[in-house]
């Protein structure tokens, strides 16, 4: 996460910082995003996001997103999910 120009602390993304605004209004699990919620925001399949969490050794893809598997559901912390969504949206604009 980039550092602020005026302080040495990292910038923290908030859902209000996104333009266009995020589609998710209420979290399913407070403090975490599910794969389906992230895929709904960026228009990808949840399987692609799962590959970003787990990696895919067969093709040499390294994990690029931190997530946790709880029962049969993957959860991504708020800060990591927001950074991932912003990175994907910025990549899509280019």
N, C-alpha and C. Protein backbone atom coordinates (compact mmCIF):
# COMPACT_ATOMS: atom_id res chain seq x y z
N UNK A 1 0.85 -1.16 0.00
CA UNK A 1 0.00 0.00 0.00
C UNK A 1 0.90 1.23 0.00
N UNK A 2 0.60 2.24 -0.80
CA UNK A 2 1.46 3.42 -0.87
C UNK A 2 1.42 4.25 0.42
N UNK A 3 2.52 4.94 0.66
CA UNK A 3 2.61 5.80 1.84
C UNK A 3 2.12 7.20 1.49
N UNK A 4 1.61 7.87 2.49
CA UNK A 4 1.16 9.24 2.33
C UNK A 4 2.36 10.14 2.08
N UNK A 5 2.17 11.22 1.36
CA UNK A 5 3.27 12.15 1.08
C UNK A 5 3.61 12.99 2.31
N UNK A 6 2.66 13.20 3.21
CA UNK A 6 2.90 14.06 4.37
C UNK A 6 3.30 13.30 5.62
N UNK A 7 3.00 12.01 5.70
CA UNK A 7 3.38 11.21 6.87
C UNK A 7 4.05 9.93 6.41
N UNK A 8 4.60 9.21 7.36
CA UNK A 8 5.24 7.95 7.02
C UNK A 8 4.29 6.77 7.15
N UNK A 9 3.02 7.04 7.42
CA UNK A 9 2.04 5.97 7.56
C UNK A 9 1.45 5.59 6.21
N UNK A 10 1.02 4.34 6.11
CA UNK A 10 0.40 3.87 4.89
C UNK A 10 -0.98 4.49 4.72
N UNK A 11 -1.36 4.75 3.47
CA UNK A 11 -2.72 5.21 3.18
C UNK A 11 -3.67 4.04 3.37
N UNK A 12 -4.83 4.31 3.94
CA UNK A 12 -5.82 3.27 4.14
C UNK A 12 -7.00 3.59 3.23
N UNK A 13 -7.35 2.62 2.38
CA UNK A 13 -8.48 2.81 1.47
C UNK A 13 -9.79 2.61 2.20
N UNK A 14 -10.78 3.40 1.86
CA UNK A 14 -12.13 3.28 2.40
C UNK A 14 -13.07 3.04 1.24
N UNK A 15 -14.21 2.40 1.48
CA UNK A 15 -15.16 2.20 0.38
C UNK A 15 -15.63 3.51 -0.25
N UNK A 16 -15.59 4.61 0.50
CA UNK A 16 -16.02 5.90 -0.03
C UNK A 16 -15.02 6.48 -1.03
N UNK A 17 -13.79 5.96 -1.07
CA UNK A 17 -12.74 6.49 -1.94
C UNK A 17 -12.88 6.05 -3.40
N UNK A 18 -13.81 5.16 -3.71
CA UNK A 18 -13.89 4.59 -5.04
C UNK A 18 -14.85 5.37 -5.93
N UNK A 19 -14.43 5.53 -7.19
CA UNK A 19 -15.26 6.17 -8.19
C UNK A 19 -15.20 5.32 -9.45
N UNK A 20 -16.20 4.68 -9.91
CA UNK A 20 -17.56 4.64 -9.39
C UNK A 20 -17.62 3.93 -8.04
N UNK A 21 -18.66 4.20 -7.25
CA UNK A 21 -18.76 3.61 -5.91
C UNK A 21 -18.88 2.09 -5.96
N UNK A 22 -18.52 1.47 -4.87
CA UNK A 22 -18.60 0.01 -4.78
C UNK A 22 -20.06 -0.42 -4.76
N UNK A 23 -20.32 -1.59 -5.34
CA UNK A 23 -21.68 -2.12 -5.41
C UNK A 23 -22.12 -2.72 -4.08
N UNK A 24 -21.18 -3.20 -3.31
CA UNK A 24 -21.51 -3.86 -2.04
C UNK A 24 -21.93 -2.81 -1.02
N UNK A 25 -23.14 -2.94 -0.49
CA UNK A 25 -23.64 -2.00 0.51
C UNK A 25 -23.40 -2.52 1.93
N UNK A 26 -23.75 -3.77 2.18
CA UNK A 26 -23.58 -4.39 3.49
C UNK A 26 -22.70 -5.64 3.34
N UNK A 27 -21.67 -5.76 4.19
CA UNK A 27 -20.83 -6.96 4.10
C UNK A 27 -21.55 -8.20 4.61
N UNK A 28 -21.28 -9.33 3.98
CA UNK A 28 -21.80 -10.59 4.46
C UNK A 28 -21.18 -10.92 5.80
N UNK A 29 -19.87 -10.75 5.89
CA UNK A 29 -19.12 -10.96 7.12
C UNK A 29 -18.36 -9.67 7.39
N UNK A 30 -18.67 -8.97 8.49
CA UNK A 30 -18.01 -7.69 8.77
C UNK A 30 -16.48 -7.82 8.81
N UNK A 31 -15.80 -6.93 8.10
CA UNK A 31 -14.34 -6.92 8.07
C UNK A 31 -13.73 -7.78 6.99
N UNK A 32 -14.55 -8.53 6.25
CA UNK A 32 -14.04 -9.43 5.21
C UNK A 32 -14.91 -9.36 3.97
N UNK A 33 -14.30 -9.72 2.86
CA UNK A 33 -14.99 -9.83 1.58
C UNK A 33 -14.97 -11.30 1.17
N UNK A 34 -16.05 -11.78 0.57
CA UNK A 34 -16.07 -13.12 0.00
C UNK A 34 -15.63 -13.02 -1.46
N UNK A 35 -15.31 -14.15 -2.05
CA UNK A 35 -14.89 -14.16 -3.45
C UNK A 35 -16.01 -13.65 -4.36
N UNK A 36 -17.25 -13.99 -4.03
CA UNK A 36 -18.38 -13.56 -4.85
C UNK A 36 -18.56 -12.05 -4.79
N UNK A 37 -18.34 -11.45 -3.63
CA UNK A 37 -18.46 -10.00 -3.51
C UNK A 37 -17.38 -9.30 -4.33
N UNK A 38 -16.15 -9.80 -4.26
CA UNK A 38 -15.07 -9.20 -5.04
C UNK A 38 -15.32 -9.38 -6.53
N UNK A 39 -15.74 -10.57 -6.93
CA UNK A 39 -15.98 -10.81 -8.35
C UNK A 39 -17.11 -9.95 -8.88
N UNK A 40 -18.11 -9.66 -8.05
CA UNK A 40 -19.19 -8.76 -8.46
C UNK A 40 -18.70 -7.34 -8.67
N UNK A 41 -17.70 -6.92 -7.91
CA UNK A 41 -17.16 -5.56 -8.05
C UNK A 41 -16.34 -5.37 -9.31
N UNK A 42 -15.57 -6.39 -9.66
CA UNK A 42 -14.63 -6.20 -10.77
C UNK A 42 -15.01 -6.97 -12.03
N UNK A 43 -16.08 -7.75 -11.98
CA UNK A 43 -16.55 -8.44 -13.18
C UNK A 43 -15.69 -9.60 -13.60
N UNK A 44 -15.12 -10.31 -12.66
CA UNK A 44 -14.33 -11.51 -12.94
C UNK A 44 -15.03 -12.70 -12.32
N UNK A 45 -14.59 -13.88 -12.67
CA UNK A 45 -15.13 -15.06 -12.03
C UNK A 45 -14.48 -15.23 -10.66
N UNK A 46 -15.20 -15.88 -9.76
CA UNK A 46 -14.63 -16.12 -8.43
C UNK A 46 -13.47 -17.11 -8.51
N UNK A 47 -13.45 -17.94 -9.55
CA UNK A 47 -12.35 -18.89 -9.71
C UNK A 47 -11.02 -18.16 -9.97
N UNK A 48 -11.05 -17.09 -10.77
CA UNK A 48 -9.84 -16.29 -11.04
C UNK A 48 -9.32 -15.68 -9.73
N UNK A 49 -10.23 -15.19 -8.90
CA UNK A 49 -9.82 -14.59 -7.64
C UNK A 49 -9.28 -15.67 -6.71
N UNK A 50 -9.87 -16.86 -6.75
CA UNK A 50 -9.36 -17.98 -5.96
C UNK A 50 -7.95 -18.34 -6.39
N UNK A 51 -7.67 -18.31 -7.69
CA UNK A 51 -6.31 -18.55 -8.17
C UNK A 51 -5.35 -17.46 -7.68
N UNK A 52 -5.83 -16.22 -7.57
CA UNK A 52 -4.98 -15.15 -7.05
C UNK A 52 -4.67 -15.36 -5.57
N UNK A 53 -5.54 -16.03 -4.84
CA UNK A 53 -5.30 -16.32 -3.43
C UNK A 53 -4.38 -17.52 -3.27
N UNK A 54 -4.69 -18.60 -3.97
CA UNK A 54 -3.96 -19.86 -3.81
C UNK A 54 -2.73 -19.98 -4.70
N UNK A 55 -2.72 -19.25 -5.80
CA UNK A 55 -1.69 -19.46 -6.80
C UNK A 55 -2.09 -20.65 -7.66
N UNK A 56 -1.28 -20.93 -8.64
CA UNK A 56 -1.54 -22.08 -9.52
C UNK A 56 -0.19 -22.62 -9.97
N UNK A 57 0.39 -23.52 -9.16
CA UNK A 57 1.74 -24.01 -9.45
C UNK A 57 1.89 -24.68 -10.82
N UNK A 58 0.83 -25.26 -11.34
CA UNK A 58 0.92 -25.96 -12.62
C UNK A 58 1.32 -25.03 -13.75
N UNK A 59 0.95 -23.75 -13.67
CA UNK A 59 1.30 -22.80 -14.71
C UNK A 59 2.26 -21.73 -14.23
N UNK A 60 2.74 -21.87 -12.98
CA UNK A 60 3.72 -20.93 -12.45
C UNK A 60 3.13 -19.64 -11.90
N UNK A 61 1.85 -19.61 -11.56
CA UNK A 61 1.20 -18.42 -11.03
C UNK A 61 1.37 -18.39 -9.51
N UNK A 62 1.97 -17.32 -9.02
CA UNK A 62 2.19 -17.15 -7.59
C UNK A 62 0.98 -16.46 -6.95
N UNK A 63 0.70 -16.72 -5.67
CA UNK A 63 -0.41 -16.00 -5.00
C UNK A 63 -0.15 -14.50 -4.99
N UNK A 64 -1.21 -13.71 -5.23
CA UNK A 64 -1.05 -12.26 -5.25
C UNK A 64 -2.07 -11.57 -4.33
N UNK A 65 -2.86 -12.35 -3.60
CA UNK A 65 -3.88 -11.81 -2.73
C UNK A 65 -3.93 -12.66 -1.47
N UNK A 66 -3.98 -11.98 -0.32
CA UNK A 66 -4.02 -12.71 0.95
C UNK A 66 -5.47 -13.02 1.30
N UNK A 67 -5.77 -14.28 1.55
CA UNK A 67 -7.11 -14.69 1.91
C UNK A 67 -7.06 -15.88 2.85
N UNK A 68 -8.16 -16.15 3.50
CA UNK A 68 -8.25 -17.24 4.47
C UNK A 68 -9.41 -18.14 4.08
N UNK A 69 -9.20 -19.45 4.22
CA UNK A 69 -10.27 -20.40 3.94
C UNK A 69 -10.92 -20.79 5.25
N UNK A 70 -12.20 -20.48 5.37
CA UNK A 70 -12.98 -20.82 6.55
C UNK A 70 -14.10 -21.73 6.08
N UNK A 71 -14.06 -22.98 6.53
CA UNK A 71 -14.98 -24.01 6.06
C UNK A 71 -14.82 -24.11 4.54
N UNK A 72 -15.83 -23.83 3.77
CA UNK A 72 -15.74 -23.90 2.30
C UNK A 72 -15.71 -22.54 1.64
N UNK A 73 -15.48 -21.49 2.44
CA UNK A 73 -15.54 -20.12 1.93
C UNK A 73 -14.18 -19.44 2.10
N UNK A 74 -13.75 -18.72 1.06
CA UNK A 74 -12.54 -17.90 1.17
C UNK A 74 -12.94 -16.50 1.61
N UNK A 75 -12.20 -15.96 2.58
CA UNK A 75 -12.44 -14.60 3.06
C UNK A 75 -11.19 -13.77 2.86
N UNK A 76 -11.36 -12.55 2.40
CA UNK A 76 -10.26 -11.62 2.16
C UNK A 76 -10.47 -10.43 3.08
N UNK A 77 -9.45 -10.05 3.88
CA UNK A 77 -9.61 -8.88 4.75
C UNK A 77 -9.95 -7.62 3.96
N UNK A 78 -10.70 -6.71 4.61
CA UNK A 78 -11.14 -5.47 3.95
C UNK A 78 -10.03 -4.72 3.24
N UNK A 79 -8.93 -4.46 3.94
CA UNK A 79 -7.86 -3.65 3.36
C UNK A 79 -7.28 -4.31 2.12
N UNK A 80 -7.05 -5.62 2.17
CA UNK A 80 -6.49 -6.33 1.02
C UNK A 80 -7.48 -6.37 -0.15
N UNK A 81 -8.76 -6.57 0.16
CA UNK A 81 -9.77 -6.61 -0.90
C UNK A 81 -9.90 -5.26 -1.59
N UNK A 82 -9.92 -4.19 -0.81
CA UNK A 82 -10.05 -2.86 -1.41
C UNK A 82 -8.83 -2.52 -2.26
N UNK A 83 -7.65 -2.90 -1.81
CA UNK A 83 -6.44 -2.66 -2.60
C UNK A 83 -6.47 -3.46 -3.90
N UNK A 84 -6.94 -4.71 -3.82
CA UNK A 84 -7.05 -5.58 -5.00
C UNK A 84 -8.04 -4.99 -6.01
N UNK A 85 -9.19 -4.53 -5.51
CA UNK A 85 -10.21 -3.94 -6.38
C UNK A 85 -9.68 -2.68 -7.05
N UNK A 86 -9.00 -1.83 -6.28
CA UNK A 86 -8.45 -0.61 -6.85
C UNK A 86 -7.38 -0.93 -7.89
N UNK A 87 -6.52 -1.89 -7.59
CA UNK A 87 -5.48 -2.28 -8.55
C UNK A 87 -6.10 -2.81 -9.84
N UNK A 88 -7.13 -3.62 -9.73
CA UNK A 88 -7.78 -4.16 -10.92
C UNK A 88 -8.47 -3.06 -11.72
N UNK A 89 -9.15 -2.14 -11.04
CA UNK A 89 -9.84 -1.05 -11.75
C UNK A 89 -8.82 -0.14 -12.44
N UNK A 90 -7.71 0.14 -11.81
CA UNK A 90 -6.68 0.98 -12.43
C UNK A 90 -6.05 0.27 -13.62
N UNK A 91 -5.87 -1.03 -13.53
CA UNK A 91 -5.30 -1.80 -14.64
C UNK A 91 -6.26 -1.80 -15.81
N UNK A 92 -7.55 -1.86 -15.52
CA UNK A 92 -8.56 -1.91 -16.57
C UNK A 92 -8.64 -0.60 -17.34
N UNK A 93 -8.36 0.55 -16.68
CA UNK A 93 -8.39 1.86 -17.32
C UNK A 93 -7.26 2.04 -18.33
N UNK A 94 -6.12 1.40 -18.05
CA UNK A 94 -4.94 1.58 -18.90
C UNK A 94 -5.09 1.00 -20.27
